[in-house]
Amino acid sequence: MPDADPFELLIPRPTRIKPLGGEAPLPLTPAINTQSQTPSIPPAGYRLSITAQEIKIQAADNPGIHHAHATLSQIQNLPGNSVPAVVIEDSPALPRRGVMLDTSRCRIPTMQEFRRLIPSFAALKLDHMQCYTEHTFAYKNHPTVWQGSDPITPNEIIQIDAICRKNGIEFAANQNCFGHLTRWLALPDYAHLAETLAQWDFLNMPRTGPFSLCPTDGRSLPFVESLLDELIPCHTSPFINIGCDETHDVGQGRSANAVQQLGKAAVYAQFVGDICQAVLRRGRVPMFWGDIAKAHPQALDLIPKEAIALVWGYEPDHDFQSESAMHARSGRHFWVCPGTNSWRSFTGRGYERQNNIRNAAAAGIASNAQGMLITDWGDLGHHQVWPIALLGIAEAADAAWTGRKRTPRFLEAVSLHVFNDRSLTIATWLEAFADCDQTIRAIAGSPTPDGNPTPLQNASALFTELHHPPIRLGLPTSITPWQETRDRLTHLAGCIPTGADQLIQHELAHATECALWACDVAIARRDGEQNQQHLASRLTTIKSTHSQLWHHRSRPGGLPESLTFWDKINLDQPS
């Protein structure tokens, strides 16, 4: 007997579903009649008619045809023996919906993994992809920076681009061109381009060594152009993300005099504007992260109007609304960019992820954003396993397409179509896993002047216990909340879903063991009763499993560096 409303198990759930009466047996067998360029249907939208006798697709364009087939494939995968005969009319709330994978923090997918990932993104009606790059593209003229990292080669980029186009996805170039260039600037061949090699301040956190290009050095722009000239021709997309985020060292080194005379906004924006003009001369459209422009709105006047602002933020209360409105008023195209909240964690951060993504989508739709880019970072060794990130990507795909909150059966739909789990349980388990330490996160941030606790940002509590930032945090000194978290983890460890493939089960078991180990480290630091020799032995096993699982999805080049983050943990460190 069919489900009362089987279409509740589609992701994204279509906007309009009109019953026709009767049923269509599963699997659907009629031939598909496709009509493209139907003017009454919005761009990228489709009309899908399903009866026992006929399947008919009408669409405004090729993307609409892709999206209709994605819905049809999910219907074929629904449980039960039949579905109601219906007409489905659907179109995206945001015109573009993309995903950005961090390929510069140790993990770079193998080509086999790219071939698996790209169709899975298309199945969620994503139509744009980027690979965040600092040093992991195999530049012919800059070989020293990528040696040993298993970079993506020009030929591989061309292959990935072709796979994306086959699946209705645009593969945009990505190269940070200003900040986040430590890997380059730490090398003798490039150190002369750095803003500073000394100590500087990153949002009240001390740092030492190079980070950004010096924007007033006449050699910086030609260096960036040499990167553009190698990377851009490998991509057919009109877009390139030039980064330019978090350049907080600017003005603290060689550009200090210029910043004092002209202001930081002018110095920053002049260099970003020059990079944008270099991109435009090469026939492409630049995208840039909008955080510096948020702090210095006057900078936007010096950046070409053609450049697309990427409005990013990863907390549930991030003010996408005012930032989106700022760019909308300026007449500039912009995308909203929430995060999977998988990084700096073993479990993810469920509450933060859901609210961050849904709020970003709502603000973007209200301000006529051109798209959403869901970001998945890999800070501190990229220790999160893939299923943790995948739930966030599915959340964003649903939010960007529908513009709505979750449907009641959203997690079941993710389980079925994203994880191929016919028990419909894995996403619900992941949600509980992601919030196992939420009660600690809610009170573990930087204390306010009056001593009140604030939410921990950009990391889970368990991960932060192992990797303390250089600022004071309010991680609880009492053993009680850590033991409560451990109890929740112990329960979850005993009921890991078995409906997905074995690799996912192994990854979830590993993530659970990492989280339990972090709990035990926290407890040991607070009561001293844990056997540190036993903790060290468990860590050896964790590192071994980490290495074994790595090779299933990721290139080996980044593994040694990823393992070093385990070695930096001091079991004797007080809480």
Protein backbone atom coordinates (compact mmCIF):
# COMPACT_ATOMS: atom_id res chain seq x y z
CA MET A 1 0.00 0.00 0.00
CA PRO A 2 1.51 3.37 -0.98
CA ASP A 3 2.46 5.97 1.59
CA ALA A 4 -0.31 8.51 2.35
CA ASP A 5 1.87 11.21 0.75
CA PRO A 6 4.95 9.59 -0.76
CA PHE A 7 6.06 12.93 -2.25
CA GLU A 8 6.92 14.10 1.28
CA LEU A 9 9.98 11.90 0.76
CA LEU A 10 11.30 13.99 -2.16
CA ILE A 11 14.21 16.38 -1.63
CA PRO A 12 13.80 19.17 -2.47
CA ARG A 13 10.04 18.71 -2.16
CA PRO A 14 8.36 20.18 -5.27
CA THR A 15 6.44 23.43 -4.97
CA ARG A 16 3.13 22.28 -6.47
CA ILE A 17 1.76 18.74 -6.72
CA LYS A 18 -1.67 18.35 -8.33
CA PRO A 19 -3.37 14.94 -8.05
CA LEU A 20 -4.91 13.61 -11.26
CA GLY A 21 -6.73 10.63 -9.76
CA GLY A 22 -5.55 7.07 -10.05
CA GLU A 23 -2.11 5.61 -9.54
CA ALA A 24 1.03 4.82 -11.47
CA PRO A 25 2.80 1.54 -10.63
CA LEU A 26 6.41 1.59 -9.46
CA PRO A 27 8.79 1.31 -11.15
CA LEU A 28 7.45 3.75 -13.73
CA THR A 29 7.67 2.18 -17.18
CA PRO A 30 6.05 4.51 -19.77
CA ALA A 31 8.33 6.24 -22.25
CA ILE A 32 9.22 9.84 -21.39
CA ASN A 33 7.85 12.53 -23.66
CA THR A 34 10.05 15.64 -23.32
CA GLN A 35 9.15 19.14 -24.53
CA SER A 36 11.72 21.88 -24.00
CA GLN A 37 11.41 25.65 -24.30
CA THR A 38 7.93 25.89 -22.83
CA PRO A 39 7.58 29.66 -22.31
CA SER A 40 5.05 29.48 -19.46
CA ILE A 41 7.55 27.69 -17.19
CA PRO A 42 10.12 29.74 -15.19
CA PRO A 43 13.87 29.38 -15.91
CA ALA A 44 15.25 26.08 -14.61
CA GLY A 45 11.70 25.00 -13.80
CA TYR A 46 9.71 22.06 -15.11
CA ARG A 47 6.30 20.45 -15.32
CA LEU A 48 6.26 16.68 -14.79
CA SER A 49 3.09 14.69 -15.53
CA ILE A 50 2.91 11.09 -14.32
CA THR A 51 0.13 8.63 -15.06
CA ALA A 52 0.07 4.88 -15.59
CA GLN A 53 0.08 5.52 -19.34
CA GLU A 54 2.41 8.50 -19.80
CA ILE A 55 5.34 10.44 -18.37
CA LYS A 56 5.59 13.93 -19.80
CA ILE A 57 8.29 16.53 -19.11
CA GLN A 58 7.92 20.17 -20.07
CA ALA A 59 10.67 22.67 -19.28
CA ALA A 60 11.82 26.16 -20.08
CA ASP A 61 15.41 25.12 -20.76
CA ASN A 62 17.98 22.35 -20.40
CA PRO A 63 18.44 22.93 -16.65
CA GLY A 64 14.72 22.41 -16.22
CA ILE A 65 14.95 19.10 -18.05
CA HIS A 66 17.82 18.03 -15.77
CA HIS A 67 15.76 18.94 -12.70
CA ALA A 68 12.68 17.07 -13.95
CA HIS A 69 14.77 13.94 -14.44
CA ALA A 70 16.22 14.35 -10.93
CA THR A 71 12.70 14.39 -9.48
CA LEU A 72 11.68 11.45 -11.64
CA SER A 73 14.67 9.41 -10.42
CA GLN A 74 13.70 10.07 -6.81
CA ILE A 75 10.11 9.01 -7.49
CA GLN A 76 11.42 5.75 -8.95
CA ASN A 77 13.29 5.25 -5.66
CA LEU A 78 10.27 5.79 -3.38
CA PRO A 79 9.10 2.92 -1.16
CA GLY A 80 5.86 1.21 -2.08
CA ASN A 81 4.36 -0.30 -5.20
CA SER A 82 2.79 2.80 -6.72
CA VAL A 83 2.48 6.58 -6.52
CA PRO A 84 -0.53 8.80 -7.17
CA ALA A 85 -0.91 10.09 -10.71
CA VAL A 86 0.10 13.75 -10.52
CA VAL A 87 1.26 16.88 -12.27
CA ILE A 88 4.30 18.38 -10.54
CA GLU A 89 5.20 22.00 -11.20
CA ASP A 90 8.45 23.20 -9.72
CA SER A 91 11.14 25.87 -10.05
CA PRO A 92 13.95 27.15 -7.81
CA ALA A 93 13.52 29.90 -5.26
CA LEU A 94 17.14 30.98 -5.86
CA PRO A 95 18.39 31.00 -9.46
CA ARG A 96 21.73 29.33 -8.69
CA ARG A 97 22.62 26.74 -6.06
CA GLY A 98 26.21 25.69 -5.57
CA VAL A 99 28.59 23.76 -3.36
CA MET A 100 32.20 24.61 -2.53
CA LEU A 101 34.55 21.85 -1.37
CA ASP A 102 37.70 22.75 0.56
CA THR A 103 40.56 21.13 -1.34
CA SER A 104 43.33 23.08 0.43
CA ARG A 105 43.07 21.68 3.97
CA CYS A 106 44.58 18.24 3.45
CA ARG A 107 41.66 16.45 1.76
CA ILE A 108 41.50 16.44 -2.03
CA PRO A 109 38.99 13.96 -3.49
CA THR A 110 40.28 11.28 -5.80
CA MET A 111 39.03 11.40 -9.37
CA GLN A 112 36.86 8.37 -8.59
CA GLU A 113 35.31 10.33 -5.73
CA PHE A 114 34.67 13.36 -7.97
CA ARG A 115 32.88 11.05 -10.42
CA ARG A 116 30.67 9.85 -7.57
CA LEU A 117 30.09 13.26 -5.96
CA ILE A 118 29.06 15.27 -9.00
CA PRO A 119 25.99 13.20 -9.98
CA SER A 120 24.95 13.16 -6.31
CA PHE A 121 25.02 16.98 -6.28
CA ALA A 122 22.99 17.10 -9.49
CA ALA A 123 20.43 14.77 -7.92
CA LEU A 124 19.84 17.48 -5.30
CA LYS A 125 19.34 20.06 -8.08
CA LEU A 126 22.62 21.83 -7.37
CA ASP A 127 23.97 23.47 -10.51
CA HIS A 128 27.31 25.02 -9.50
CA MET A 129 30.51 23.67 -7.92
CA GLN A 130 33.85 25.08 -6.81
CA CYS A 131 36.99 23.61 -5.25
CA TYR A 132 38.51 26.07 -2.79
CA THR A 133 42.17 26.47 -3.76
CA GLU A 134 45.14 28.02 -2.06
CA HIS A 135 48.04 25.86 -3.25
CA THR A 136 46.58 22.60 -4.58
CA PHE A 137 46.30 23.27 -8.32
CA ALA A 138 49.31 21.96 -10.25
CA TYR A 139 50.54 25.25 -11.68
CA LYS A 140 53.15 24.51 -14.33
CA ASN A 141 55.10 27.68 -13.53
CA HIS A 142 54.88 27.32 -9.75
CA PRO A 143 55.72 23.69 -8.91
CA THR A 144 57.36 24.21 -5.52
CA VAL A 145 54.14 25.21 -3.76
CA TRP A 146 52.14 22.08 -4.55
CA GLN A 147 54.86 19.43 -4.31
CA GLY A 148 53.71 16.50 -2.18
CA SER A 149 50.08 17.64 -1.89
CA ASP A 150 48.64 15.49 -4.71
CA PRO A 151 47.25 18.59 -6.47
CA ILE A 152 44.48 18.64 -9.02
CA THR A 153 46.16 18.81 -12.41
CA PRO A 154 45.02 20.90 -15.39
CA ASN A 155 43.93 17.74 -17.20
CA GLU A 156 41.92 16.63 -14.17
CA ILE A 157 40.21 20.03 -13.98
CA ILE A 158 39.22 19.63 -17.62
CA GLN A 159 37.83 16.16 -16.86
CA ILE A 160 35.93 17.38 -13.80
CA ASP A 161 34.54 20.27 -15.84
CA ALA A 162 33.27 17.83 -18.47
CA ILE A 163 31.67 15.56 -15.84
CA CYS A 164 29.96 18.58 -14.30
CA ARG A 165 28.60 19.80 -17.64
CA LYS A 166 27.24 16.34 -18.40
CA ASN A 167 25.33 16.51 -15.12
CA GLY A 168 24.04 20.05 -15.56
CA ILE A 169 26.55 21.59 -13.15
CA GLU A 170 28.82 24.54 -13.80
CA PHE A 171 32.37 24.09 -12.45
CA ALA A 172 33.77 27.50 -11.52
CA ALA A 173 37.46 28.25 -11.04
CA ASN A 174 38.60 29.13 -7.53
CA GLN A 175 41.94 30.57 -6.36
CA ASN A 176 42.44 32.75 -3.32
CA CYS A 177 44.36 35.71 -4.72
CA PHE A 178 45.09 37.92 -1.69
CA GLY A 179 44.90 36.35 1.79
CA HIS A 180 45.26 32.73 2.89
CA LEU A 181 48.49 32.41 0.89
CA THR A 182 50.75 31.21 3.70
CA ARG A 183 51.74 28.10 1.72
CA TRP A 184 53.11 30.35 -1.03
CA LEU A 185 54.59 33.16 1.03
CA ALA A 186 56.42 30.85 3.43
CA LEU A 187 58.58 29.71 0.52
CA PRO A 188 61.77 31.64 -0.34
CA ASP A 189 60.63 32.16 -3.93
CA TYR A 190 57.52 34.09 -2.82
CA ALA A 191 58.34 35.56 0.61
CA HIS A 192 59.16 38.94 -0.96
CA LEU A 193 55.46 39.34 -1.85
CA ALA A 194 54.18 39.01 1.73
CA GLU A 195 52.55 41.83 3.65
CA THR A 196 54.51 40.74 6.72
CA LEU A 197 56.69 37.89 7.94
CA ALA A 198 56.49 39.07 11.54
CA GLN A 199 53.82 39.02 14.24
CA TRP A 200 50.39 40.49 13.55
CA ASP A 201 46.87 40.45 14.95
CA PHE A 202 44.04 38.32 13.52
CA LEU A 203 40.82 39.47 15.23
CA ASN A 204 42.54 39.76 18.62
CA MET A 205 44.43 36.51 18.12
CA PRO A 206 48.22 36.77 17.71
CA ARG A 207 49.72 35.26 14.57
CA THR A 208 53.24 35.12 13.24
CA GLY A 209 54.38 34.72 9.66
CA PRO A 210 53.01 35.46 6.20
CA PHE A 211 49.34 35.39 5.27
CA SER A 212 48.41 37.99 2.61
CA LEU A 213 50.09 39.47 -0.41
CA CYS A 214 51.31 43.01 0.07
CA PRO A 215 48.74 45.02 -1.91
CA THR A 216 51.11 47.95 -2.48
CA ASP A 217 53.93 45.83 -3.92
CA GLY A 218 53.92 46.19 -7.70
CA ARG A 219 54.93 42.56 -8.09
CA SER A 220 51.80 41.16 -6.39
CA LEU A 221 49.36 41.68 -9.25
CA PRO A 222 51.60 40.11 -11.93
CA PHE A 223 51.96 37.09 -9.63
CA VAL A 224 48.16 36.78 -9.38
CA GLU A 225 47.82 37.16 -13.13
CA SER A 226 50.27 34.30 -13.65
CA LEU A 227 47.90 32.09 -11.65
CA LEU A 228 44.82 33.25 -13.56
CA ASP A 229 46.51 32.55 -16.88
CA GLU A 230 47.03 28.90 -15.97
CA LEU A 231 43.79 28.20 -14.09
CA ILE A 232 41.10 30.00 -16.09
CA PRO A 233 41.59 28.16 -19.42
CA CYS A 234 40.87 24.80 -17.73
CA HIS A 235 37.29 25.87 -16.89
CA THR A 236 34.35 26.59 -19.17
CA SER A 237 32.39 28.43 -16.46
CA PRO A 238 32.29 32.24 -16.79
CA PHE A 239 33.02 32.61 -13.04
CA ILE A 240 36.17 32.56 -10.94
CA ASN A 241 36.17 32.97 -7.16
CA ILE A 242 39.21 35.15 -6.34
CA GLY A 243 38.71 34.86 -2.56
CA CYS A 244 40.23 37.98 -0.93
CA ASP A 245 38.77 37.22 2.52
CA GLU A 246 40.13 37.78 6.04
CA THR A 247 43.04 40.00 4.97
CA HIS A 248 43.44 41.31 8.52
CA ASP A 249 47.23 41.60 8.27
CA VAL A 250 46.95 44.35 5.65
CA GLY A 251 48.21 47.54 7.23
CA GLN A 252 50.21 45.67 9.88
CA GLY A 253 53.24 45.25 7.63
CA ARG A 254 54.60 46.79 4.46
CA SER A 255 51.38 48.54 3.50
CA ALA A 256 51.13 50.34 6.86
CA ASN A 257 52.05 53.78 5.46
CA ALA A 258 49.55 53.50 2.62
CA VAL A 259 46.81 52.39 5.03
CA GLN A 260 47.60 55.30 7.32
CA GLN A 261 47.35 57.76 4.43
CA LEU A 262 44.46 56.32 2.43
CA GLY A 263 42.60 54.08 4.86
CA LYS A 264 42.47 50.28 4.94
CA ALA A 265 39.31 50.13 2.81
CA ALA A 266 40.95 52.01 -0.06
CA VAL A 267 44.16 49.96 0.02
CA TYR A 268 42.25 46.69 0.17
CA ALA A 269 39.69 47.61 -2.47
CA GLN A 270 42.21 49.03 -4.92
CA PHE A 271 44.08 45.72 -5.02
CA VAL A 272 40.90 43.64 -5.19
CA GLY A 273 39.64 45.94 -7.94
CA ASP A 274 42.87 45.40 -9.88
CA ILE A 275 42.45 41.62 -9.60
CA CYS A 276 38.83 41.92 -10.75
CA GLN A 277 39.91 43.97 -13.77
CA ALA A 278 42.50 41.31 -14.61
CA VAL A 279 39.75 38.68 -14.51
CA LEU A 280 37.41 40.80 -16.64
CA ARG A 281 40.16 41.32 -19.24
CA ARG A 282 40.33 37.55 -19.54
CA GLY A 283 36.61 37.35 -20.28
CA ARG A 284 35.50 35.98 -16.91
CA VAL A 285 33.40 37.26 -14.01
CA PRO A 286 35.07 37.54 -10.59
CA MET A 287 33.46 36.47 -7.33
CA PHE A 288 34.90 37.71 -4.03
CA TRP A 289 34.22 37.04 -0.35
CA GLY A 290 32.36 40.01 1.14
CA ASP A 291 33.63 40.10 4.73
CA ILE A 292 36.05 43.04 4.34
CA ALA A 293 33.46 45.02 2.38
CA LYS A 294 31.00 44.41 5.23
CA ALA A 295 33.40 46.09 7.65
CA HIS A 296 34.30 48.83 5.14
CA PRO A 297 31.29 49.37 2.82
CA GLN A 298 33.07 52.23 1.06
CA ALA A 299 35.43 49.62 -0.41
CA LEU A 300 32.67 48.50 -2.76
CA ASP A 301 32.94 51.75 -4.72
CA LEU A 302 36.43 50.70 -5.92
CA ILE A 303 35.46 47.15 -6.93
CA PRO A 304 33.95 46.72 -10.41
CA LYS A 305 30.18 46.36 -10.47
CA GLU A 306 30.53 43.16 -12.49
CA ALA A 307 32.18 41.41 -9.52
CA ILE A 308 29.81 39.18 -7.53
CA ALA A 309 29.93 39.51 -3.74
CA LEU A 310 29.82 36.32 -1.67
CA VAL A 311 28.07 37.05 1.63
CA TRP A 312 29.31 34.46 4.11
CA GLY A 313 28.68 33.58 7.74
CA TYR A 314 28.29 30.32 9.64
CA GLU A 315 26.42 31.01 12.86
CA PRO A 316 22.64 30.70 13.35
CA ASP A 317 22.30 34.42 14.07
CA HIS A 318 24.51 35.69 11.24
CA ASP A 319 22.92 38.83 9.80
CA PHE A 320 22.52 37.78 6.18
CA GLN A 321 19.56 40.12 5.92
CA SER A 322 21.42 43.41 6.39
CA GLU A 323 24.45 42.32 4.35
CA SER A 324 22.22 41.16 1.51
CA ALA A 325 20.30 44.41 1.62
CA MET A 326 23.57 46.37 1.44
CA HIS A 327 24.60 44.66 -1.78
CA ALA A 328 21.09 44.83 -3.21
CA ARG A 329 21.05 48.61 -2.67
CA SER A 330 24.40 48.95 -4.42
CA GLY A 331 23.07 47.21 -7.51
CA ARG A 332 25.72 44.49 -7.28
CA HIS A 333 24.94 40.82 -7.82
CA PHE A 334 25.58 38.69 -4.74
CA TRP A 335 25.23 35.14 -3.44
CA VAL A 336 24.59 34.07 0.16
CA CYS A 337 27.11 31.57 1.52
CA PRO A 338 26.25 29.59 4.67
CA GLY A 339 28.22 26.55 5.81
CA THR A 340 27.75 22.86 6.47
CA ASN A 341 29.19 23.45 9.97
CA SER A 342 31.04 20.15 9.66
CA TRP A 343 34.55 21.50 10.17
CA ARG A 344 36.39 21.81 13.49
CA SER A 345 34.26 18.91 14.67
CA PHE A 346 33.85 15.16 14.54
CA THR A 347 30.07 15.39 14.79
CA GLY A 348 29.05 18.59 13.03
CA ARG A 349 26.91 21.28 14.63
CA GLY A 350 23.25 20.53 13.88
CA TYR A 351 21.41 23.46 15.45
CA GLU A 352 23.85 25.95 13.99
CA ARG A 353 23.86 24.33 10.57
CA GLN A 354 20.10 24.17 10.15
CA ASN A 355 19.41 27.73 11.26
CA ASN A 356 22.41 29.22 9.47
CA ILE A 357 21.40 27.67 6.16
CA ARG A 358 17.66 28.34 6.35
CA ASN A 359 18.24 31.96 7.44
CA ALA A 360 20.72 32.51 4.61
CA ALA A 361 18.25 31.20 2.05
CA ALA A 362 15.40 33.33 3.40
CA ALA A 363 17.53 36.49 3.40
CA GLY A 364 18.86 35.76 -0.08
CA ILE A 365 15.40 35.23 -1.51
CA ALA A 366 14.05 38.38 0.16
CA SER A 367 16.88 40.49 -1.29
CA ASN A 368 16.93 38.86 -4.76
CA ALA A 369 20.28 37.14 -4.39
CA GLN A 370 21.45 35.41 -7.55
CA GLY A 371 22.45 32.25 -5.72
CA MET A 372 23.54 30.31 -2.67
CA LEU A 373 26.95 28.68 -2.25
CA ILE A 374 27.13 26.14 0.57
CA THR A 375 30.68 26.00 1.90
CA ASP A 376 32.36 22.97 3.44
CA TRP A 377 35.71 23.73 5.06
CA GLY A 378 38.42 21.46 6.44
CA ASP A 379 40.24 23.45 9.12
CA LEU A 380 42.82 21.68 11.31
CA GLY A 381 43.32 18.53 9.29
CA HIS A 382 39.87 17.99 7.77
CA HIS A 383 38.94 15.40 10.40
CA GLN A 384 35.21 15.28 9.76
CA VAL A 385 34.01 12.28 7.75
CA TRP A 386 32.04 12.83 4.57
CA PRO A 387 28.51 11.96 5.85
CA ILE A 388 28.74 14.85 8.36
CA ALA A 389 29.28 17.34 5.53
CA LEU A 390 26.78 15.67 3.22
CA LEU A 391 23.83 16.32 5.51
CA GLY A 392 24.69 20.03 5.43
CA ILE A 393 24.93 20.04 1.65
CA ALA A 394 21.52 18.36 1.41
CA GLU A 395 20.07 20.93 3.84
CA ALA A 396 21.37 23.78 1.67
CA ALA A 397 20.16 22.24 -1.58
CA ASP A 398 16.67 21.94 -0.12
CA ALA A 399 16.64 25.45 1.36
CA ALA A 400 17.98 27.14 -1.78
CA TRP A 401 15.51 25.37 -4.06
CA THR A 402 12.36 25.63 -1.93
CA GLY A 403 12.98 28.74 0.16
CA ARG A 404 11.03 27.01 2.91
CA LYS A 405 11.68 25.44 6.28
CA ARG A 406 12.08 21.69 6.50
CA THR A 407 9.16 19.45 5.69
CA PRO A 408 8.14 17.02 8.48
CA ARG A 409 9.86 14.13 6.71
CA PHE A 410 12.95 16.01 5.54
CA LEU A 411 15.40 13.79 7.43
CA GLU A 412 13.74 10.65 6.12
CA ALA A 413 13.98 12.02 2.58
CA VAL A 414 17.69 12.73 3.07
CA SER A 415 18.19 9.22 4.41
CA LEU A 416 16.51 7.69 1.38
CA HIS A 417 17.86 9.73 -1.51
CA VAL A 418 21.16 11.06 -0.22
CA PHE A 419 22.36 8.03 1.74
CA ASN A 420 20.32 5.33 -0.03
CA ASP A 421 19.11 4.17 3.38
CA ARG A 422 15.74 2.53 2.97
CA SER A 423 15.31 2.31 6.73
CA LEU A 424 15.01 6.13 6.57
CA THR A 425 16.99 6.56 9.81
CA ILE A 426 20.55 7.69 9.10
CA ALA A 427 19.88 11.44 8.80
CA THR A 428 17.93 11.43 12.06
CA TRP A 429 20.90 9.70 13.72
CA LEU A 430 23.29 12.25 12.22
CA GLU A 431 21.12 15.07 13.55
CA ALA A 432 21.29 13.69 17.08
CA PHE A 433 25.02 13.07 16.72
CA ALA A 434 25.60 16.65 15.56
CA ASP A 435 23.99 18.06 18.68
CA CYS A 436 25.46 15.69 21.25
CA ASP A 437 27.55 18.55 22.71
CA GLN A 438 25.13 21.38 21.91
CA THR A 439 24.48 22.13 25.59
CA ILE A 440 28.20 22.79 26.05
CA ARG A 441 28.50 24.79 22.81
CA ALA A 442 25.70 27.06 24.02
CA ILE A 443 27.77 28.28 26.98
CA ALA A 444 31.39 27.77 25.89
CA GLY A 445 32.25 30.88 23.88
CA SER A 446 34.26 33.94 24.84
CA PRO A 447 32.86 35.42 28.06
CA THR A 448 31.32 38.89 27.87
CA PRO A 449 32.67 41.72 30.09
CA ASP A 450 30.00 40.92 32.67
CA GLY A 451 31.07 37.28 32.71
CA ASN A 452 28.03 35.85 30.96
CA PRO A 453 28.68 32.83 28.72
CA THR A 454 28.26 33.10 24.96
CA PRO A 455 27.78 30.35 22.37
CA LEU A 456 30.92 28.72 21.05
CA GLN A 457 31.48 29.72 17.42
CA ASN A 458 32.92 27.92 14.42
CA ALA A 459 33.67 24.65 16.23
CA SER A 460 32.15 21.92 18.35
CA ALA A 461 32.97 21.79 22.07
CA LEU A 462 34.53 18.35 21.74
CA PHE A 463 36.92 19.48 19.01
CA THR A 464 37.76 22.70 20.85
CA GLU A 465 38.69 20.73 23.96
CA LEU A 466 41.43 19.11 21.87
CA HIS A 467 42.46 22.19 19.87
CA HIS A 468 42.21 25.33 22.01
CA PRO A 469 42.31 28.63 20.10
CA PRO A 470 44.66 31.36 21.42
CA ILE A 471 41.79 33.18 23.14
CA ARG A 472 40.04 32.49 26.44
CA LEU A 473 36.91 30.36 26.13
CA GLY A 474 34.28 29.28 28.59
CA LEU A 475 34.61 25.50 28.32
CA PRO A 476 33.00 24.16 31.50
CA THR A 477 35.32 23.01 34.26
CA SER A 478 32.68 20.76 35.80
CA ILE A 479 32.77 17.12 34.78
CA THR A 480 28.95 16.87 34.63
CA PRO A 481 28.22 18.28 31.14
CA TRP A 482 31.04 16.25 29.63
CA GLN A 483 29.74 13.06 31.22
CA GLU A 484 26.22 13.85 29.97
CA THR A 485 27.61 14.31 26.47
CA ARG A 486 29.49 11.05 26.79
CA ASP A 487 26.29 9.25 27.82
CA ARG A 488 24.55 10.55 24.69
CA LEU A 489 27.47 9.44 22.54
CA THR A 490 27.52 6.00 24.12
CA HIS A 491 23.85 5.57 23.26
CA LEU A 492 24.42 6.73 19.67
CA ALA A 493 27.43 4.44 19.28
CA GLY A 494 25.16 1.51 20.04
CA CYS A 495 22.62 2.32 17.35
CA ILE A 496 24.58 3.45 14.29
CA PRO A 497 22.23 2.86 11.32
CA THR A 498 23.11 -0.03 9.04
CA GLY A 499 20.96 0.92 6.04
CA ALA A 500 23.69 2.83 4.16
CA ASP A 501 26.77 1.24 2.58
CA GLN A 502 29.55 -0.20 4.71
CA LEU A 503 31.97 2.69 4.11
CA ILE A 504 29.49 5.13 5.63
CA GLN A 505 28.95 2.81 8.60
CA HIS A 506 32.72 2.63 9.16
CA GLU A 507 33.01 6.41 8.88
CA LEU A 508 30.27 6.97 11.44
CA ALA A 509 31.80 4.44 13.80
CA HIS A 510 35.14 6.25 13.50
CA ALA A 511 33.54 9.67 14.07
CA THR A 512 31.80 8.32 17.16
CA GLU A 513 35.01 6.91 18.58
CA CYS A 514 36.78 10.25 17.96
CA ALA A 515 34.02 12.09 19.81
CA LEU A 516 34.04 9.61 22.71
CA TRP A 517 37.82 9.93 22.96
CA ALA A 518 37.55 13.74 23.08
CA CYS A 519 34.98 13.39 25.89
CA ASP A 520 37.29 11.12 27.82
CA VAL A 521 40.19 13.54 27.40
CA ALA A 522 37.98 16.33 28.76
CA ILE A 523 36.94 14.19 31.72
CA ALA A 524 40.52 13.09 32.41
CA ARG A 525 41.67 16.70 32.49
CA ARG A 526 38.98 17.53 35.03
CA ASP A 527 39.14 14.57 37.42
CA GLY A 528 42.41 12.84 36.58
CA GLU A 529 40.87 9.38 36.88
CA GLN A 530 41.32 8.32 33.26
CA ASN A 531 44.37 6.22 32.48
CA GLN A 532 46.44 8.40 30.14
CA GLN A 533 48.27 5.38 28.82
CA HIS A 534 44.92 3.94 27.79
CA LEU A 535 43.95 7.25 26.13
CA ALA A 536 47.23 7.25 24.21
CA SER A 537 46.62 3.67 23.08
CA ARG A 538 43.15 4.53 21.85
CA LEU A 539 44.58 7.50 19.95
CA THR A 540 46.97 5.18 18.13
CA THR A 541 43.97 3.13 16.97
CA ILE A 542 42.05 6.27 15.98
CA LYS A 543 44.96 7.50 13.85
CA SER A 544 45.22 4.11 12.16
CA THR A 545 41.51 4.10 11.31
CA HIS A 546 41.73 7.73 10.18
CA SER A 547 44.46 6.69 7.71
CA GLN A 548 42.58 3.65 6.44
CA LEU A 549 39.36 5.57 5.80
CA TRP A 550 41.20 8.48 4.20
CA HIS A 551 42.19 6.45 1.15
CA HIS A 552 38.61 5.52 0.27
CA ARG A 553 37.75 9.08 -0.78
CA SER A 554 40.84 11.29 -0.60
CA ARG A 555 44.25 11.52 -2.25
CA PRO A 556 47.14 10.41 -0.04
CA GLY A 557 49.12 13.66 -0.29
CA GLY A 558 47.38 15.48 2.56
CA LEU A 559 47.23 12.58 5.01
CA PRO A 560 50.59 13.11 6.77
CA GLU A 561 49.68 16.72 7.58
CA SER A 562 46.21 15.70 8.74
CA LEU A 563 47.74 13.21 11.17
CA THR A 564 49.97 15.88 12.71
CA PHE A 565 46.91 17.53 14.25
CA TRP A 566 46.37 14.42 16.35
CA ASP A 567 50.00 14.57 17.46
CA LYS A 568 49.63 18.17 18.66
CA ILE A 569 47.11 17.18 21.35
CA ASN A 570 48.63 17.30 24.83
CA LEU A 571 46.88 14.88 27.16
CA ASP A 572 48.45 16.61 30.16
CA GLN A 573 47.05 20.01 29.21
CA PRO A 574 44.72 21.35 31.90
CA SER A 575 41.14 22.15 30.97
